[in-house]
Amino acid sequence: VKRRQDATRALDKKRRAEAQREAEQEAALAAAREKHEAETNERMALLHQSHAERLTYAEQQAADQLEAAGRALAQAQEEHARLLREAQEGHARDAQEQAERHRKHTAAAAEATYQQ
């Protein structure tokens, strides 16, 4: 009877120790899972932050390029207006010179006709 009680106690002790080891293993596994999840969440947060920073940088670059294109367009429009003014002034000067030559030619022809 005593041997059986001792054997039962030893078996119970062994089962309790095994259950304790399993509980510790499960707790360690749960802690490892939580740590892994926290690290994953942190990496994802850093990844999202990096992505957001890259987007912000790209948006700023696009805004800078748009501003530069606007300045280039304004300069081109100013140059076009200047060239147009110069061309109109040149045409007006040419027309005035041609009118003056025509007037002189007409006056000379009238003088020649009068003297005949």
N, C-alpha and C. Protein backbone atom coordinates (compact mmCIF):
# COMPACT_ATOMS: atom_id res chain seq x y z
N VAL A 1 0.85 -1.19 0.00
CA VAL A 1 0.00 0.00 0.00
C VAL A 1 0.89 1.25 0.00
N LYS A 2 1.90 1.20 0.87
CA LYS A 2 2.80 2.36 0.96
C LYS A 2 3.51 2.59 -0.37
N ARG A 3 3.94 1.48 -0.99
CA ARG A 3 4.62 1.59 -2.27
C ARG A 3 3.70 2.19 -3.32
N ARG A 4 2.48 1.80 -3.31
CA ARG A 4 1.51 2.31 -4.26
C ARG A 4 1.26 3.78 -4.02
N GLN A 5 1.16 4.18 -2.78
CA GLN A 5 0.99 5.60 -2.45
C GLN A 5 2.21 6.40 -2.89
N ASP A 6 3.40 5.84 -2.63
CA ASP A 6 4.63 6.52 -3.04
C ASP A 6 4.69 6.64 -4.57
N ALA A 7 4.29 5.57 -5.25
CA ALA A 7 4.29 5.58 -6.71
C ALA A 7 3.27 6.60 -7.23
N THR A 8 2.10 6.64 -6.60
CA THR A 8 1.06 7.60 -7.00
C THR A 8 1.55 9.02 -6.78
N ARG A 9 2.16 9.26 -5.61
CA ARG A 9 2.69 10.60 -5.31
C ARG A 9 3.77 10.99 -6.33
N ALA A 10 4.65 10.04 -6.63
CA ALA A 10 5.73 10.32 -7.58
C ALA A 10 5.15 10.62 -8.96
N LEU A 11 4.14 9.87 -9.35
CA LEU A 11 3.48 10.09 -10.64
C LEU A 11 2.78 11.45 -10.64
N ASP A 12 2.08 11.80 -9.55
CA ASP A 12 1.44 13.10 -9.45
C ASP A 12 2.46 14.24 -9.51
N LYS A 13 3.57 14.05 -8.81
CA LYS A 13 4.63 15.05 -8.81
C LYS A 13 5.20 15.23 -10.22
N LYS A 14 5.40 14.10 -10.90
CA LYS A 14 5.91 14.14 -12.27
C LYS A 14 4.92 14.85 -13.19
N ARG A 15 3.62 14.57 -13.04
CA ARG A 15 2.59 15.21 -13.86
C ARG A 15 2.53 16.71 -13.60
N ARG A 16 2.62 17.09 -12.31
CA ARG A 16 2.60 18.52 -11.96
C ARG A 16 3.82 19.24 -12.55
N ALA A 17 4.99 18.60 -12.47
CA ALA A 17 6.21 19.20 -13.01
C ALA A 17 6.07 19.34 -14.53
N GLU A 18 5.51 18.32 -15.16
CA GLU A 18 5.30 18.38 -16.61
C GLU A 18 4.30 19.48 -16.97
N ALA A 19 3.21 19.59 -16.22
CA ALA A 19 2.21 20.63 -16.46
C ALA A 19 2.83 22.01 -16.24
N GLN A 20 3.68 22.12 -15.21
CA GLN A 20 4.38 23.38 -14.94
C GLN A 20 5.28 23.75 -16.12
N ARG A 21 6.05 22.77 -16.64
CA ARG A 21 6.92 23.02 -17.79
C ARG A 21 6.11 23.45 -19.01
N GLU A 22 4.97 22.77 -19.25
CA GLU A 22 4.11 23.14 -20.38
C GLU A 22 3.57 24.56 -20.22
N ALA A 23 3.15 24.90 -19.00
CA ALA A 23 2.63 26.25 -18.75
C ALA A 23 3.73 27.28 -18.97
N GLU A 24 4.95 26.99 -18.53
CA GLU A 24 6.07 27.91 -18.73
C GLU A 24 6.40 28.05 -20.22
N GLN A 25 6.35 26.93 -20.93
CA GLN A 25 6.61 26.96 -22.37
C GLN A 25 5.55 27.78 -23.10
N GLU A 26 4.29 27.58 -22.72
CA GLU A 26 3.21 28.35 -23.33
C GLU A 26 3.35 29.84 -23.02
N ALA A 27 3.74 30.17 -21.79
CA ALA A 27 3.94 31.57 -21.40
C ALA A 27 5.11 32.16 -22.20
N ALA A 28 6.18 31.39 -22.35
CA ALA A 28 7.34 31.87 -23.12
C ALA A 28 6.95 32.07 -24.58
N LEU A 29 6.15 31.13 -25.10
CA LEU A 29 5.70 31.25 -26.48
C LEU A 29 4.82 32.48 -26.65
N ALA A 30 3.91 32.70 -25.72
CA ALA A 30 3.03 33.87 -25.79
C ALA A 30 3.85 35.15 -25.71
N ALA A 31 4.86 35.18 -24.84
CA ALA A 31 5.71 36.37 -24.72
C ALA A 31 6.49 36.58 -26.02
N ALA A 32 6.99 35.49 -26.61
CA ALA A 32 7.73 35.60 -27.88
C ALA A 32 6.81 36.11 -28.98
N ARG A 33 5.56 35.61 -29.01
CA ARG A 33 4.59 36.07 -30.01
C ARG A 33 4.31 37.56 -29.84
N GLU A 34 4.10 37.99 -28.60
CA GLU A 34 3.83 39.41 -28.33
C GLU A 34 5.02 40.28 -28.73
N LYS A 35 6.23 39.81 -28.42
CA LYS A 35 7.44 40.56 -28.78
C LYS A 35 7.55 40.65 -30.30
N HIS A 36 7.33 39.54 -30.98
CA HIS A 36 7.40 39.51 -32.44
C HIS A 36 6.36 40.46 -33.03
N GLU A 37 5.15 40.42 -32.48
CA GLU A 37 4.08 41.30 -32.98
C GLU A 37 4.42 42.76 -32.75
N ALA A 38 4.98 43.08 -31.58
CA ALA A 38 5.37 44.46 -31.28
C ALA A 38 6.47 44.92 -32.24
N GLU A 39 7.45 44.05 -32.49
CA GLU A 39 8.53 44.40 -33.41
C GLU A 39 7.99 44.58 -34.83
N THR A 40 7.08 43.71 -35.22
CA THR A 40 6.48 43.82 -36.55
C THR A 40 5.70 45.12 -36.67
N ASN A 41 4.93 45.44 -35.65
CA ASN A 41 4.17 46.70 -35.66
C ASN A 41 5.10 47.91 -35.73
N GLU A 42 6.20 47.84 -35.00
CA GLU A 42 7.16 48.94 -35.03
C GLU A 42 7.79 49.08 -36.42
N ARG A 43 8.16 47.94 -37.02
CA ARG A 43 8.73 47.98 -38.37
C ARG A 43 7.72 48.54 -39.37
N MET A 44 6.47 48.13 -39.24
CA MET A 44 5.43 48.64 -40.15
C MET A 44 5.24 50.14 -39.95
N ALA A 45 5.27 50.59 -38.71
CA ALA A 45 5.13 52.02 -38.44
C ALA A 45 6.28 52.80 -39.07
N LEU A 46 7.50 52.27 -38.94
CA LEU A 46 8.66 52.93 -39.55
C LEU A 46 8.53 52.92 -41.07
N LEU A 47 8.05 51.81 -41.61
CA LEU A 47 7.87 51.70 -43.05
C LEU A 47 6.84 52.73 -43.54
N HIS A 48 5.73 52.84 -42.83
CA HIS A 48 4.70 53.82 -43.20
C HIS A 48 5.24 55.25 -43.08
N GLN A 49 6.00 55.50 -42.03
CA GLN A 49 6.59 56.84 -41.85
C GLN A 49 7.55 57.15 -42.99
N SER A 50 8.38 56.19 -43.33
CA SER A 50 9.33 56.37 -44.43
C SER A 50 8.59 56.62 -45.74
N HIS A 51 7.52 55.85 -45.95
CA HIS A 51 6.72 56.01 -47.18
C HIS A 51 6.09 57.41 -47.20
N ALA A 52 5.57 57.84 -46.07
CA ALA A 52 4.95 59.16 -45.99
C ALA A 52 5.99 60.25 -46.25
N GLU A 53 7.20 60.06 -45.70
CA GLU A 53 8.26 61.05 -45.93
C GLU A 53 8.64 61.10 -47.41
N ARG A 54 8.71 59.92 -48.04
CA ARG A 54 9.05 59.89 -49.46
C ARG A 54 7.95 60.57 -50.28
N LEU A 55 6.69 60.34 -49.91
CA LEU A 55 5.58 61.00 -50.61
C LEU A 55 5.67 62.51 -50.43
N THR A 56 5.93 62.94 -49.21
CA THR A 56 6.04 64.38 -48.94
C THR A 56 7.18 64.96 -49.77
N TYR A 57 8.31 64.25 -49.84
CA TYR A 57 9.46 64.72 -50.63
C TYR A 57 9.08 64.79 -52.10
N ALA A 58 8.40 63.75 -52.60
CA ALA A 58 7.99 63.72 -54.01
C ALA A 58 7.00 64.84 -54.30
N GLU A 59 6.07 65.08 -53.37
CA GLU A 59 5.11 66.17 -53.55
C GLU A 59 5.83 67.51 -53.60
N GLN A 60 6.84 67.69 -52.74
CA GLN A 60 7.59 68.94 -52.72
C GLN A 60 8.36 69.12 -54.03
N GLN A 61 8.95 68.01 -54.50
CA GLN A 61 9.67 68.07 -55.78
C GLN A 61 8.71 68.47 -56.91
N ALA A 62 7.53 67.86 -56.92
CA ALA A 62 6.55 68.17 -57.96
C ALA A 62 6.13 69.64 -57.87
N ALA A 63 5.93 70.13 -56.66
CA ALA A 63 5.56 71.54 -56.49
C ALA A 63 6.69 72.45 -56.97
N ASP A 64 7.94 72.09 -56.66
CA ASP A 64 9.08 72.89 -57.11
C ASP A 64 9.17 72.89 -58.63
N GLN A 65 8.96 71.71 -59.23
CA GLN A 65 9.02 71.62 -60.70
C GLN A 65 7.90 72.43 -61.34
N LEU A 66 6.72 72.37 -60.74
CA LEU A 66 5.60 73.15 -61.26
C LEU A 66 5.89 74.65 -61.17
N GLU A 67 6.47 75.07 -60.06
CA GLU A 67 6.81 76.48 -59.89
C GLU A 67 7.86 76.90 -60.91
N ALA A 68 8.86 76.05 -61.13
CA ALA A 68 9.90 76.35 -62.13
C ALA A 68 9.30 76.43 -63.53
N ALA A 69 8.38 75.53 -63.83
CA ALA A 69 7.71 75.55 -65.14
C ALA A 69 6.90 76.83 -65.30
N GLY A 70 6.25 77.26 -64.25
CA GLY A 70 5.49 78.51 -64.28
C GLY A 70 6.40 79.70 -64.55
N ARG A 71 7.57 79.72 -63.90
CA ARG A 71 8.51 80.82 -64.13
C ARG A 71 9.02 80.78 -65.57
N ALA A 72 9.32 79.58 -66.07
CA ALA A 72 9.81 79.46 -67.45
C ALA A 72 8.74 79.92 -68.44
N LEU A 73 7.50 79.58 -68.17
CA LEU A 73 6.40 80.01 -69.04
C LEU A 73 6.27 81.53 -69.03
N ALA A 74 6.35 82.13 -67.86
CA ALA A 74 6.25 83.59 -67.75
C ALA A 74 7.39 84.25 -68.52
N GLN A 75 8.60 83.71 -68.40
CA GLN A 75 9.74 84.28 -69.14
C GLN A 75 9.52 84.15 -70.65
N ALA A 76 9.03 82.99 -71.08
CA ALA A 76 8.78 82.78 -72.51
C ALA A 76 7.72 83.75 -73.02
N GLN A 77 6.67 83.97 -72.22
CA GLN A 77 5.63 84.91 -72.62
C GLN A 77 6.18 86.33 -72.71
N GLU A 78 7.03 86.72 -71.77
CA GLU A 78 7.65 88.05 -71.81
C GLU A 78 8.53 88.19 -73.05
N GLU A 79 9.30 87.16 -73.35
CA GLU A 79 10.18 87.19 -74.53
C GLU A 79 9.35 87.27 -75.80
N HIS A 80 8.26 86.53 -75.86
CA HIS A 80 7.38 86.56 -77.02
C HIS A 80 6.79 87.96 -77.20
N ALA A 81 6.33 88.54 -76.12
CA ALA A 81 5.75 89.89 -76.21
C ALA A 81 6.81 90.90 -76.67
N ARG A 82 8.04 90.77 -76.17
CA ARG A 82 9.12 91.68 -76.58
C ARG A 82 9.41 91.52 -78.07
N LEU A 83 9.52 90.27 -78.53
CA LEU A 83 9.81 90.04 -79.95
C LEU A 83 8.67 90.56 -80.82
N LEU A 84 7.44 90.38 -80.38
CA LEU A 84 6.29 90.87 -81.13
C LEU A 84 6.32 92.40 -81.23
N ARG A 85 6.62 93.06 -80.09
CA ARG A 85 6.72 94.53 -80.10
C ARG A 85 7.82 94.98 -81.07
N GLU A 86 8.97 94.32 -80.99
CA GLU A 86 10.07 94.71 -81.86
C GLU A 86 9.70 94.50 -83.33
N ALA A 87 9.02 93.41 -83.62
CA ALA A 87 8.61 93.14 -85.01
C ALA A 87 7.61 94.20 -85.47
N GLN A 88 6.64 94.55 -84.62
CA GLN A 88 5.66 95.57 -84.99
C GLN A 88 6.33 96.92 -85.19
N GLU A 89 7.29 97.24 -84.30
CA GLU A 89 8.00 98.52 -84.45
C GLU A 89 8.81 98.52 -85.75
N GLY A 90 9.43 97.38 -86.06
CA GLY A 90 10.20 97.26 -87.30
C GLY A 90 9.32 97.40 -88.51
N HIS A 91 8.16 96.76 -88.49
CA HIS A 91 7.21 96.88 -89.61
C HIS A 91 6.73 98.32 -89.75
N ALA A 92 6.44 98.97 -88.65
CA ALA A 92 5.97 100.36 -88.71
C ALA A 92 7.07 101.25 -89.28
N ARG A 93 8.31 101.03 -88.84
CA ARG A 93 9.43 101.82 -89.35
C ARG A 93 9.63 101.57 -90.85
N ASP A 94 9.55 100.29 -91.24
CA ASP A 94 9.69 99.95 -92.67
C ASP A 94 8.58 100.61 -93.49
N ALA A 95 7.35 100.56 -92.98
CA ALA A 95 6.22 101.16 -93.71
C ALA A 95 6.39 102.66 -93.80
N GLN A 96 6.88 103.27 -92.72
CA GLN A 96 7.08 104.72 -92.73
C GLN A 96 8.17 105.08 -93.74
N GLU A 97 9.26 104.28 -93.74
CA GLU A 97 10.35 104.56 -94.69
C GLU A 97 9.87 104.36 -96.13
N GLN A 98 9.07 103.33 -96.35
CA GLN A 98 8.54 103.07 -97.70
C GLN A 98 7.60 104.21 -98.13
N ALA A 99 6.79 104.68 -97.22
CA ALA A 99 5.87 105.79 -97.52
C ALA A 99 6.68 107.04 -97.85
N GLU A 100 7.76 107.27 -97.10
CA GLU A 100 8.61 108.44 -97.36
C GLU A 100 9.27 108.32 -98.73
N ARG A 101 9.78 107.14 -99.10
CA ARG A 101 10.39 106.93 -100.42
C ARG A 101 9.34 107.15 -101.52
N HIS A 102 8.13 106.63 -101.29
CA HIS A 102 7.05 106.78 -102.27
C HIS A 102 6.70 108.27 -102.44
N ARG A 103 6.62 108.98 -101.33
CA ARG A 103 6.29 110.41 -101.38
C ARG A 103 7.38 111.17 -102.17
N LYS A 104 8.66 110.83 -101.87
CA LYS A 104 9.75 111.50 -102.58
C LYS A 104 9.71 111.17 -104.06
N HIS A 105 9.46 109.90 -104.36
CA HIS A 105 9.40 109.48 -105.76
C HIS A 105 8.24 110.19 -106.47
N THR A 106 7.09 110.26 -105.80
CA THR A 106 5.92 110.93 -106.37
C THR A 106 6.21 112.41 -106.57
N ALA A 107 6.88 113.02 -105.57
CA ALA A 107 7.20 114.45 -105.68
C ALA A 107 8.18 114.67 -106.83
N ALA A 108 9.16 113.77 -106.95
CA ALA A 108 10.14 113.91 -108.04
C ALA A 108 9.47 113.73 -109.39
N ALA A 109 8.55 112.77 -109.49
CA ALA A 109 7.83 112.53 -110.75
C ALA A 109 6.95 113.73 -111.08
N ALA A 110 6.32 114.30 -110.07
CA ALA A 110 5.46 115.48 -110.29
C ALA A 110 6.31 116.65 -110.73
N GLU A 111 7.47 116.83 -110.14
CA GLU A 111 8.38 117.93 -110.50
C GLU A 111 8.85 117.74 -111.94
N ALA A 112 9.20 116.49 -112.27
CA ALA A 112 9.68 116.24 -113.65
C ALA A 112 8.56 116.51 -114.64
N THR A 113 7.34 116.10 -114.29
CA THR A 113 6.21 116.32 -115.19
C THR A 113 5.95 117.83 -115.31
N TYR A 114 6.04 118.57 -114.26
CA TYR A 114 5.79 120.02 -114.25
C TYR A 114 6.81 120.74 -115.11
N GLN A 115 8.06 120.31 -115.05
CA GLN A 115 9.12 120.98 -115.80
C GLN A 115 9.05 120.68 -117.28
N GLN A 116 8.41 119.67 -117.67
CA GLN A 116 8.32 119.33 -119.11
C GLN A 116 7.34 120.23 -119.69
